[in-house]
Amino acid sequence: MSQRVRWSVGGRSLAPPPVPGAVVTMHWDWLCDSITAEQALALDAAEDSALRIANQMLSTDM
């Protein structure tokens, strides 16, 4: 998926300039870092796990 994100504003940035086609991480609309394909897979797995746990907790009758 492609999205537009902010890399720098007023000469300030959180990460080095991205290269076309790079896989990057973002928070809200800010680019945070470029990552490898392996890191992207690990991040996806961690996010899936966290969402699964949160959904289990929300569906538990209290």
PDB file of N, CA and C in Angstrom:
ATOM      1  N   MET A   1       0.843  -1.167   0.000  1.00  0.00           N
ATOM      2  CA  MET A   1       0.000   0.000   0.000  1.00  0.00           C
ATOM      3  C   MET A   1       0.892   1.234   0.000  1.00  0.00           C
ATOM      4  N   SER A   2       0.537   2.209  -0.789  1.00  0.00           N
ATOM      5  CA  SER A   2       1.280   3.467  -0.829  1.00  0.00           C
ATOM      6  C   SER A   2       0.483   4.544  -0.109  1.00  0.00           C
ATOM      7  N   GLN A   3       1.196   5.347   0.660  1.00  0.00           N
ATOM      8  CA  GLN A   3       0.585   6.482   1.345  1.00  0.00           C
ATOM      9  C   GLN A   3       1.550   7.655   1.287  1.00  0.00           C
ATOM     10  N   ARG A   4       1.013   8.839   1.318  1.00  0.00           N
ATOM     11  CA  ARG A   4       1.851  10.030   1.427  1.00  0.00           C
ATOM     12  C   ARG A   4       2.057  10.324   2.902  1.00  0.00           C
ATOM     13  N   VAL A   5       3.310  10.539   3.257  1.00  0.00           N
ATOM     14  CA  VAL A   5       3.641  10.892   4.630  1.00  0.00           C
ATOM     15  C   VAL A   5       4.615  12.058   4.612  1.00  0.00           C
ATOM     16  N   ARG A   6       4.718  12.707   5.725  1.00  0.00           N
ATOM     17  CA  ARG A   6       5.619  13.838   5.876  1.00  0.00           C
ATOM     18  C   ARG A   6       7.017  13.326   6.185  1.00  0.00           C
ATOM     19  N   TRP A   7       8.009  13.823   5.479  1.00  0.00           N
ATOM     20  CA  TRP A   7       9.386  13.457   5.780  1.00  0.00           C
ATOM     21  C   TRP A   7      10.071  14.575   6.551  1.00  0.00           C
ATOM     22  N   SER A   8       9.858  15.810   6.152  1.00  0.00           N
ATOM     23  CA  SER A   8      10.482  16.918   6.870  1.00  0.00           C
ATOM     24  C   SER A   8       9.597  18.158   6.770  1.00  0.00           C
ATOM     25  N   VAL A   9       9.748  19.001   7.746  1.00  0.00           N
ATOM     26  CA  VAL A   9       9.053  20.282   7.761  1.00  0.00           C
ATOM     27  C   VAL A   9      10.043  21.309   8.289  1.00  0.00           C
ATOM     28  N   GLY A  10      10.210  22.371   7.567  1.00  0.00           N
ATOM     29  CA  GLY A  10      11.119  23.428   8.010  1.00  0.00           C
ATOM     30  C   GLY A  10      12.551  22.952   8.192  1.00  0.00           C
ATOM     31  N   GLY A  11      12.972  21.968   7.392  1.00  0.00           N
ATOM     32  CA  GLY A  11      14.336  21.462   7.488  1.00  0.00           C
ATOM     33  C   GLY A  11      14.553  20.453   8.602  1.00  0.00           C
ATOM     34  N   ARG A  12      13.497  20.075   9.321  1.00  0.00           N
ATOM     35  CA  ARG A  12      13.613  19.093  10.409  1.00  0.00           C
ATOM     36  C   ARG A  12      12.965  17.783   9.988  1.00  0.00           C
ATOM     37  N   SER A  13      13.637  16.678  10.333  1.00  0.00           N
ATOM     38  CA  SER A  13      13.092  15.368   9.994  1.00  0.00           C
ATOM     39  C   SER A  13      13.416  14.382  11.108  1.00  0.00           C
ATOM     40  N   LEU A  14      12.725  13.249  11.080  1.00  0.00           N
ATOM     41  CA  LEU A  14      12.967  12.182  12.052  1.00  0.00           C
ATOM     42  C   LEU A  14      13.868  11.096  11.482  1.00  0.00           C
ATOM     43  N   ALA A  15      14.089  11.117  10.162  1.00  0.00           N
ATOM     44  CA  ALA A  15      14.838  10.050   9.503  1.00  0.00           C
ATOM     45  C   ALA A  15      15.602  10.616   8.315  1.00  0.00           C
ATOM     46  N   PRO A  16      16.588   9.874   7.855  1.00  0.00           N
ATOM     47  CA  PRO A  16      17.284  10.289   6.628  1.00  0.00           C
ATOM     48  C   PRO A  16      16.306  10.304   5.449  1.00  0.00           C
ATOM     49  N   PRO A  17      16.647  10.974   4.379  1.00  0.00           N
ATOM     50  CA  PRO A  17      15.747  11.011   3.213  1.00  0.00           C
ATOM     51  C   PRO A  17      15.452   9.597   2.700  1.00  0.00           C
ATOM     52  N   PRO A  18      14.203   9.299   2.418  1.00  0.00           N
ATOM     53  CA  PRO A  18      13.861   7.974   1.886  1.00  0.00           C
ATOM     54  C   PRO A  18      14.234   7.892   0.408  1.00  0.00           C
ATOM     55  N   VAL A  19      14.392   6.668  -0.069  1.00  0.00           N
ATOM     56  CA  VAL A  19      14.655   6.448  -1.489  1.00  0.00           C
ATOM     57  C   VAL A  19      13.394   5.868  -2.121  1.00  0.00           C
ATOM     58  N   PRO A  20      13.144   6.155  -3.381  1.00  0.00           N
ATOM     59  CA  PRO A  20      11.950   5.604  -4.031  1.00  0.00           C
ATOM     60  C   PRO A  20      11.906   4.082  -3.906  1.00  0.00           C
ATOM     61  N   GLY A  21      10.739   3.568  -3.551  1.00  0.00           N
ATOM     62  CA  GLY A  21      10.542   2.130  -3.413  1.00  0.00           C
ATOM     63  C   GLY A  21      10.910   1.568  -2.053  1.00  0.00           C
ATOM     64  N   ALA A  22      11.431   2.414  -1.159  1.00  0.00           N
ATOM     65  CA  ALA A  22      11.817   1.945   0.177  1.00  0.00           C
ATOM     66  C   ALA A  22      10.574   1.584   0.991  1.00  0.00           C
ATOM     67  N   VAL A  23      10.731   0.603   1.868  1.00  0.00           N
ATOM     68  CA  VAL A  23       9.699   0.276   2.851  1.00  0.00           C
ATOM     69  C   VAL A  23      10.034   1.103   4.081  1.00  0.00           C
ATOM     70  N   VAL A  24       9.060   1.857   4.557  1.00  0.00           N
ATOM     71  CA  VAL A  24       9.313   2.754   5.678  1.00  0.00           C
ATOM     72  C   VAL A  24       8.288   2.550   6.785  1.00  0.00           C
ATOM     73  N   THR A  25       8.663   2.959   7.980  1.00  0.00           N
ATOM     74  CA  THR A  25       7.722   2.989   9.090  1.00  0.00           C
ATOM     75  C   THR A  25       7.244   4.421   9.250  1.00  0.00           C
ATOM     76  N   MET A  26       6.048   4.546   9.808  1.00  0.00           N
ATOM     77  CA  MET A  26       5.500   5.880  10.030  1.00  0.00           C
ATOM     78  C   MET A  26       4.684   5.900  11.308  1.00  0.00           C
ATOM     79  N   HIS A  27       4.560   7.067  11.858  1.00  0.00           N
ATOM     80  CA  HIS A  27       3.703   7.299  13.023  1.00  0.00           C
ATOM     81  C   HIS A  27       2.877   8.515  12.695  1.00  0.00           C
ATOM     82  N   TRP A  28       1.556   8.341  12.722  1.00  0.00           N
ATOM     83  CA  TRP A  28       0.620   9.335  12.228  1.00  0.00           C
ATOM     84  C   TRP A  28       1.001   9.639  10.798  1.00  0.00           C
ATOM     85  N   ASP A  29       1.406  10.831  10.478  1.00  0.00           N
ATOM     86  CA  ASP A  29       1.758  11.113   9.082  1.00  0.00           C
ATOM     87  C   ASP A  29       3.235  11.458   8.931  1.00  0.00           C
ATOM     88  N   TRP A  30       4.067  10.962   9.843  1.00  0.00           N
ATOM     89  CA  TRP A  30       5.515  11.222   9.800  1.00  0.00           C
ATOM     90  C   TRP A  30       6.285   9.953   9.478  1.00  0.00           C
ATOM     91  N   LEU A  31       7.202  10.046   8.523  1.00  0.00           N
ATOM     92  CA  LEU A  31       8.115   8.960   8.230  1.00  0.00           C
ATOM     93  C   LEU A  31       9.104   8.841   9.384  1.00  0.00           C
ATOM     94  N   CYS A  32       9.278   7.616   9.905  1.00  0.00           N
ATOM     95  CA  CYS A  32      10.186   7.407  11.039  1.00  0.00           C
ATOM     96  C   CYS A  32      11.495   6.748  10.639  1.00  0.00           C
ATOM     97  N   ASP A  33      11.454   5.761   9.726  1.00  0.00           N
ATOM     98  CA  ASP A  33      12.679   5.056   9.369  1.00  0.00           C
ATOM     99  C   ASP A  33      12.432   4.178   8.145  1.00  0.00           C
ATOM    100  N   SER A  34      13.488   3.839   7.444  1.00  0.00           N
ATOM    101  CA  SER A  34      13.426   2.837   6.380  1.00  0.00           C
ATOM    102  C   SER A  34      13.763   1.487   7.006  1.00  0.00           C
ATOM    103  N   ILE A  35      13.046   0.436   6.576  1.00  0.00           N
ATOM    104  CA  ILE A  35      13.283  -0.888   7.145  1.00  0.00           C
ATOM    105  C   ILE A  35      13.443  -1.910   6.022  1.00  0.00           C
ATOM    106  N   THR A  36      14.024  -3.049   6.383  1.00  0.00           N
ATOM    107  CA  THR A  36      14.205  -4.137   5.425  1.00  0.00           C
ATOM    108  C   THR A  36      12.892  -4.915   5.288  1.00  0.00           C
ATOM    109  N   ALA A  37      12.820  -5.745   4.261  1.00  0.00           N
ATOM    110  CA  ALA A  37      11.644  -6.598   4.072  1.00  0.00           C
ATOM    111  C   ALA A  37      11.472  -7.538   5.262  1.00  0.00           C
ATOM    112  N   GLU A  38      12.580  -8.052   5.791  1.00  0.00           N
ATOM    113  CA  GLU A  38      12.516  -8.931   6.967  1.00  0.00           C
ATOM    114  C   GLU A  38      11.958  -8.178   8.177  1.00  0.00           C
ATOM    115  N   GLN A  39      12.394  -6.958   8.379  1.00  0.00           N
ATOM    116  CA  GLN A  39      11.877  -6.154   9.485  1.00  0.00           C
ATOM    117  C   GLN A  39      10.393  -5.849   9.294  1.00  0.00           C
ATOM    118  N   ALA A  40       9.978  -5.619   8.060  1.00  0.00           N
ATOM    119  CA  ALA A  40       8.568  -5.352   7.782  1.00  0.00           C
ATOM    120  C   ALA A  40       7.709  -6.562   8.134  1.00  0.00           C
ATOM    121  N   LEU A  41       8.181  -7.761   7.805  1.00  0.00           N
ATOM    122  CA  LEU A  41       7.447  -8.984   8.154  1.00  0.00           C
ATOM    123  C   LEU A  41       7.344  -9.150   9.662  1.00  0.00           C
ATOM    124  N   ALA A  42       8.440  -8.882  10.377  1.00  0.00           N
ATOM    125  CA  ALA A  42       8.427  -8.994  11.838  1.00  0.00           C
ATOM    126  C   ALA A  42       7.482  -7.965  12.445  1.00  0.00           C
ATOM    127  N   LEU A  43       7.474  -6.764  11.897  1.00  0.00           N
ATOM    128  CA  LEU A  43       6.567  -5.717  12.393  1.00  0.00           C
ATOM    129  C   LEU A  43       5.116  -6.109  12.160  1.00  0.00           C
ATOM    130  N   ASP A  44       4.810  -6.632  10.976  1.00  0.00           N
ATOM    131  CA  ASP A  44       3.443  -7.103  10.687  1.00  0.00           C
ATOM    132  C   ASP A  44       3.014  -8.197  11.660  1.00  0.00           C
ATOM    133  N   ALA A  45       3.909  -9.138  11.941  1.00  0.00           N
ATOM    134  CA  ALA A  45       3.592 -10.232  12.858  1.00  0.00           C
ATOM    135  C   ALA A  45       3.348  -9.706  14.270  1.00  0.00           C
ATOM    136  N   ALA A  46       4.167  -8.764  14.714  1.00  0.00           N
ATOM    137  CA  ALA A  46       3.996  -8.197  16.053  1.00  0.00           C
ATOM    138  C   ALA A  46       2.681  -7.435  16.152  1.00  0.00           C
ATOM    139  N   GLU A  47       2.343  -6.696  15.110  1.00  0.00           N
ATOM    140  CA  GLU A  47       1.080  -5.954  15.108  1.00  0.00           C
ATOM    141  C   GLU A  47      -0.109  -6.910  15.129  1.00  0.00           C
ATOM    142  N   ASP A  48      -0.057  -7.952  14.313  1.00  0.00           N
ATOM    143  CA  ASP A  48      -1.136  -8.948  14.298  1.00  0.00           C
ATOM    144  C   ASP A  48      -1.315  -9.588  15.672  1.00  0.00           C
ATOM    145  N   SER A  49      -0.212  -9.921  16.318  1.00  0.00           N
ATOM    146  CA  SER A  49      -0.262 -10.538  17.641  1.00  0.00           C
ATOM    147  C   SER A  49      -0.884  -9.590  18.662  1.00  0.00           C
ATOM    148  N   ALA A  50      -0.460  -8.342  18.642  1.00  0.00           N
ATOM    149  CA  ALA A  50      -0.994  -7.353  19.589  1.00  0.00           C
ATOM    150  C   ALA A  50      -2.487  -7.136  19.370  1.00  0.00           C
ATOM    151  N   LEU A  51      -2.910  -7.058  18.114  1.00  0.00           N
ATOM    152  CA  LEU A  51      -4.335  -6.877  17.832  1.00  0.00           C
ATOM    153  C   LEU A  51      -5.157  -8.094  18.241  1.00  0.00           C
ATOM    154  N   ARG A  52      -4.603  -9.293  18.022  1.00  0.00           N
ATOM    155  CA  ARG A  52      -5.297 -10.522  18.430  1.00  0.00           C
ATOM    156  C   ARG A  52      -5.496 -10.545  19.946  1.00  0.00           C
ATOM    157  N   ILE A  53      -4.464 -10.187  20.706  1.00  0.00           N
ATOM    158  CA  ILE A  53      -4.551 -10.157  22.168  1.00  0.00           C
ATOM    159  C   ILE A  53      -5.564  -9.112  22.620  1.00  0.00           C
ATOM    160  N   ALA A  54      -5.505  -7.923  22.021  1.00  0.00           N
ATOM    161  CA  ALA A  54      -6.445  -6.856  22.396  1.00  0.00           C
ATOM    162  C   ALA A  54      -7.881  -7.275  22.110  1.00  0.00           C
ATOM    163  N   ASN A  55      -8.114  -7.888  20.953  1.00  0.00           N
ATOM    164  CA  ASN A  55      -9.469  -8.324  20.612  1.00  0.00           C
ATOM    165  C   ASN A  55      -9.955  -9.427  21.541  1.00  0.00           C
ATOM    166  N   GLN A  56      -9.066 -10.327  21.951  1.00  0.00           N
ATOM    167  CA  GLN A  56      -9.448 -11.366  22.909  1.00  0.00           C
ATOM    168  C   GLN A  56      -9.838 -10.743  24.240  1.00  0.00           C
ATOM    169  N   MET A  57      -9.071  -9.760  24.681  1.00  0.00           N
ATOM    170  CA  MET A  57      -9.349  -9.098  25.957  1.00  0.00           C
ATOM    171  C   MET A  57     -10.689  -8.359  25.895  1.00  0.00           C
ATOM    172  N   LEU A  58     -10.970  -7.735  24.759  1.00  0.00           N
ATOM    173  CA  LEU A  58     -12.221  -6.983  24.615  1.00  0.00           C
ATOM    174  C   LEU A  58     -13.429  -7.896  24.522  1.00  0.00           C
ATOM    175  N   SER A  59     -13.244  -9.101  24.015  1.00  0.00           N
ATOM    176  CA  SER A  59     -14.383  -9.999  23.849  1.00  0.00           C
ATOM    177  C   SER A  59     -14.653 -10.848  25.096  1.00  0.00           C
ATOM    178  N   THR A  60     -13.768 -10.782  26.081  1.00  0.00           N
ATOM    179  CA  THR A  60     -13.943 -11.542  27.315  1.00  0.00           C
ATOM    180  C   THR A  60     -15.004 -10.881  28.183  1.00  0.00           C
ATOM    181  N   ASP A  61     -15.981 -11.672  28.642  1.00  0.00           N
ATOM    182  CA  ASP A  61     -17.002 -11.140  29.559  1.00  0.00           C
ATOM    183  C   ASP A  61     -16.370 -10.825  30.885  1.00  0.00           C
ATOM    184  N   MET A  62     -16.653  -9.655  31.367  1.00  0.00           N
ATOM    185  CA  MET A  62     -16.086  -9.240  32.663  1.00  0.00           C
ATOM    186  C   MET A  62     -17.164  -9.106  33.686  1.00  0.00           C
TER     187      MET A  62
END
